[in-house]
Amino acid sequence: MHDYQHVIAELSLVAGSKGIFDVVVDGRTLYSKHETGRHAEPGEVLALFREQFAADVTPYER
């Protein structure tokens, strides 16, 4: 997510009971283990972010 810090106003990881967690970006739920019933696969949350928030955004240059 570091590569997209210039387009994210707020990023929250919301932990719940029994290992449930949500990833919320700018007030929108990006991924919810509670809703999917499973852990995200490696790279899945970033892929969802790119699709929903950064399809036309150039990554932040380091």
N, C-alpha and C. Protein backbone atom coordinates (compact mmCIF):
# COMPACT_ATOMS: atom_id res chain seq x y z
N MET A 1 0.83 -1.18 0.00
CA MET A 1 0.00 0.00 0.00
C MET A 1 0.87 1.25 0.00
N HIS A 2 2.13 1.10 0.34
CA HIS A 2 3.04 2.24 0.34
C HIS A 2 3.06 2.95 -1.01
N ASP A 3 2.96 2.19 -2.08
CA ASP A 3 3.03 2.76 -3.42
C ASP A 3 1.82 3.63 -3.75
N TYR A 4 0.78 3.58 -2.92
CA TYR A 4 -0.43 4.35 -3.17
C TYR A 4 -0.77 5.30 -2.03
N GLN A 5 0.21 5.63 -1.20
CA GLN A 5 -0.04 6.50 -0.06
C GLN A 5 -0.55 7.88 -0.47
N HIS A 6 -0.25 8.29 -1.67
CA HIS A 6 -0.66 9.62 -2.13
C HIS A 6 -2.14 9.67 -2.54
N VAL A 7 -2.85 8.55 -2.57
CA VAL A 7 -4.28 8.56 -2.90
C VAL A 7 -5.14 8.04 -1.74
N ILE A 8 -4.52 7.66 -0.63
CA ILE A 8 -5.27 7.14 0.52
C ILE A 8 -5.32 8.21 1.61
N ALA A 9 -6.52 8.62 1.98
CA ALA A 9 -6.67 9.57 3.08
C ALA A 9 -6.64 8.83 4.41
N GLU A 10 -7.25 7.64 4.45
CA GLU A 10 -7.31 6.88 5.69
C GLU A 10 -7.35 5.38 5.38
N LEU A 11 -6.55 4.62 6.09
CA LEU A 11 -6.51 3.17 5.95
C LEU A 11 -6.65 2.56 7.33
N SER A 12 -7.62 1.67 7.51
CA SER A 12 -7.85 1.04 8.81
C SER A 12 -7.89 -0.47 8.66
N LEU A 13 -7.26 -1.14 9.60
CA LEU A 13 -7.39 -2.58 9.74
C LEU A 13 -8.20 -2.78 11.01
N VAL A 14 -9.40 -3.29 10.86
CA VAL A 14 -10.32 -3.42 11.98
C VAL A 14 -10.35 -4.88 12.42
N ALA A 15 -9.80 -5.16 13.59
CA ALA A 15 -9.76 -6.52 14.11
C ALA A 15 -11.01 -6.80 14.94
N GLY A 16 -11.48 -8.02 14.84
CA GLY A 16 -12.63 -8.44 15.63
C GLY A 16 -12.32 -9.74 16.34
N SER A 17 -13.32 -10.35 16.91
CA SER A 17 -13.12 -11.61 17.62
C SER A 17 -12.92 -12.75 16.63
N LYS A 18 -12.30 -13.81 17.09
CA LYS A 18 -12.07 -15.03 16.32
C LYS A 18 -11.29 -14.80 15.03
N GLY A 19 -10.38 -13.82 15.02
CA GLY A 19 -9.52 -13.60 13.87
C GLY A 19 -10.18 -12.85 12.73
N ILE A 20 -11.37 -12.35 12.95
CA ILE A 20 -12.06 -11.59 11.91
C ILE A 20 -11.37 -10.23 11.76
N PHE A 21 -11.18 -9.82 10.52
CA PHE A 21 -10.65 -8.48 10.29
C PHE A 21 -11.23 -7.91 9.01
N ASP A 22 -11.30 -6.58 8.97
CA ASP A 22 -11.74 -5.85 7.79
C ASP A 22 -10.64 -4.88 7.41
N VAL A 23 -10.51 -4.63 6.12
CA VAL A 23 -9.61 -3.60 5.62
C VAL A 23 -10.52 -2.51 5.06
N VAL A 24 -10.42 -1.31 5.64
CA VAL A 24 -11.28 -0.20 5.25
C VAL A 24 -10.40 0.93 4.71
N VAL A 25 -10.71 1.39 3.51
CA VAL A 25 -9.96 2.47 2.87
C VAL A 25 -10.92 3.63 2.62
N ASP A 26 -10.59 4.77 3.18
CA ASP A 26 -11.40 5.98 2.99
C ASP A 26 -12.89 5.71 3.24
N GLY A 27 -13.17 4.94 4.30
CA GLY A 27 -14.54 4.68 4.71
C GLY A 27 -15.24 3.54 3.98
N ARG A 28 -14.59 2.95 3.00
CA ARG A 28 -15.18 1.83 2.24
C ARG A 28 -14.49 0.53 2.60
N THR A 29 -15.28 -0.50 2.86
CA THR A 29 -14.71 -1.81 3.17
C THR A 29 -14.12 -2.40 1.90
N LEU A 30 -12.83 -2.65 1.96
CA LEU A 30 -12.12 -3.22 0.82
C LEU A 30 -12.13 -4.74 0.89
N TYR A 31 -11.92 -5.28 2.08
CA TYR A 31 -11.92 -6.73 2.27
C TYR A 31 -12.45 -7.03 3.67
N SER A 32 -13.27 -8.06 3.78
CA SER A 32 -13.81 -8.47 5.06
C SER A 32 -13.72 -9.98 5.19
N LYS A 33 -12.95 -10.45 6.16
CA LYS A 33 -12.87 -11.88 6.41
C LYS A 33 -14.23 -12.39 6.88
N HIS A 34 -14.94 -11.58 7.63
CA HIS A 34 -16.27 -11.98 8.10
C HIS A 34 -17.21 -12.24 6.92
N GLU A 35 -17.18 -11.38 5.91
CA GLU A 35 -18.06 -11.55 4.75
C GLU A 35 -17.64 -12.71 3.85
N THR A 36 -16.32 -12.90 3.68
CA THR A 36 -15.84 -13.94 2.77
C THR A 36 -15.70 -15.30 3.45
N GLY A 37 -15.53 -15.28 4.79
CA GLY A 37 -15.36 -16.52 5.52
C GLY A 37 -13.98 -17.13 5.39
N ARG A 38 -13.02 -16.34 4.91
CA ARG A 38 -11.67 -16.86 4.71
C ARG A 38 -10.66 -15.72 4.81
N HIS A 39 -9.39 -16.11 5.02
CA HIS A 39 -8.30 -15.13 4.98
C HIS A 39 -8.06 -14.72 3.54
N ALA A 40 -7.58 -13.52 3.35
CA ALA A 40 -7.22 -13.06 2.01
C ALA A 40 -5.98 -13.82 1.54
N GLU A 41 -5.94 -14.10 0.27
CA GLU A 41 -4.76 -14.73 -0.33
C GLU A 41 -3.65 -13.68 -0.45
N PRO A 42 -2.39 -14.10 -0.50
CA PRO A 42 -1.30 -13.13 -0.67
C PRO A 42 -1.54 -12.25 -1.91
N GLY A 43 -1.47 -10.96 -1.72
CA GLY A 43 -1.65 -10.01 -2.81
C GLY A 43 -3.09 -9.68 -3.13
N GLU A 44 -4.04 -10.39 -2.52
CA GLU A 44 -5.46 -10.18 -2.84
C GLU A 44 -5.96 -8.79 -2.44
N VAL A 45 -5.60 -8.35 -1.24
CA VAL A 45 -6.07 -7.05 -0.78
C VAL A 45 -5.49 -5.93 -1.65
N LEU A 46 -4.23 -6.04 -2.00
CA LEU A 46 -3.62 -5.03 -2.86
C LEU A 46 -4.27 -5.03 -4.24
N ALA A 47 -4.57 -6.19 -4.78
CA ALA A 47 -5.24 -6.28 -6.08
C ALA A 47 -6.62 -5.63 -6.02
N LEU A 48 -7.36 -5.88 -4.94
CA LEU A 48 -8.67 -5.25 -4.77
C LEU A 48 -8.53 -3.73 -4.68
N PHE A 49 -7.51 -3.28 -3.95
CA PHE A 49 -7.28 -1.84 -3.83
C PHE A 49 -7.01 -1.23 -5.19
N ARG A 50 -6.10 -1.83 -5.94
CA ARG A 50 -5.78 -1.30 -7.27
C ARG A 50 -7.02 -1.22 -8.15
N GLU A 51 -7.83 -2.27 -8.12
CA GLU A 51 -9.03 -2.33 -8.94
C GLU A 51 -10.05 -1.26 -8.55
N GLN A 52 -10.25 -1.07 -7.25
CA GLN A 52 -11.31 -0.18 -6.77
C GLN A 52 -10.88 1.27 -6.57
N PHE A 53 -9.59 1.50 -6.30
CA PHE A 53 -9.15 2.85 -5.94
C PHE A 53 -8.06 3.42 -6.83
N ALA A 54 -7.33 2.58 -7.52
CA ALA A 54 -6.13 3.09 -8.19
C ALA A 54 -5.95 2.57 -9.62
N ALA A 55 -7.05 2.31 -10.30
CA ALA A 55 -6.94 1.75 -11.64
C ALA A 55 -6.15 2.67 -12.58
N ASP A 56 -6.29 3.96 -12.42
CA ASP A 56 -5.62 4.93 -13.30
C ASP A 56 -4.57 5.76 -12.58
N VAL A 57 -4.04 5.23 -11.47
CA VAL A 57 -3.09 5.98 -10.64
C VAL A 57 -1.68 5.45 -10.83
N THR A 58 -0.76 6.36 -10.99
CA THR A 58 0.65 6.00 -11.07
C THR A 58 1.16 5.76 -9.64
N PRO A 59 1.80 4.62 -9.38
CA PRO A 59 2.32 4.38 -8.03
C PRO A 59 3.29 5.47 -7.57
N TYR A 60 3.32 5.68 -6.27
CA TYR A 60 4.21 6.65 -5.63
C TYR A 60 5.65 6.27 -5.89
N GLU A 61 6.45 7.23 -6.30
CA GLU A 61 7.86 6.94 -6.58
C GLU A 61 8.67 7.02 -5.30
N ARG A 62 9.51 6.04 -5.09
CA ARG A 62 10.35 6.00 -3.87
C ARG A 62 11.64 6.72 -4.08
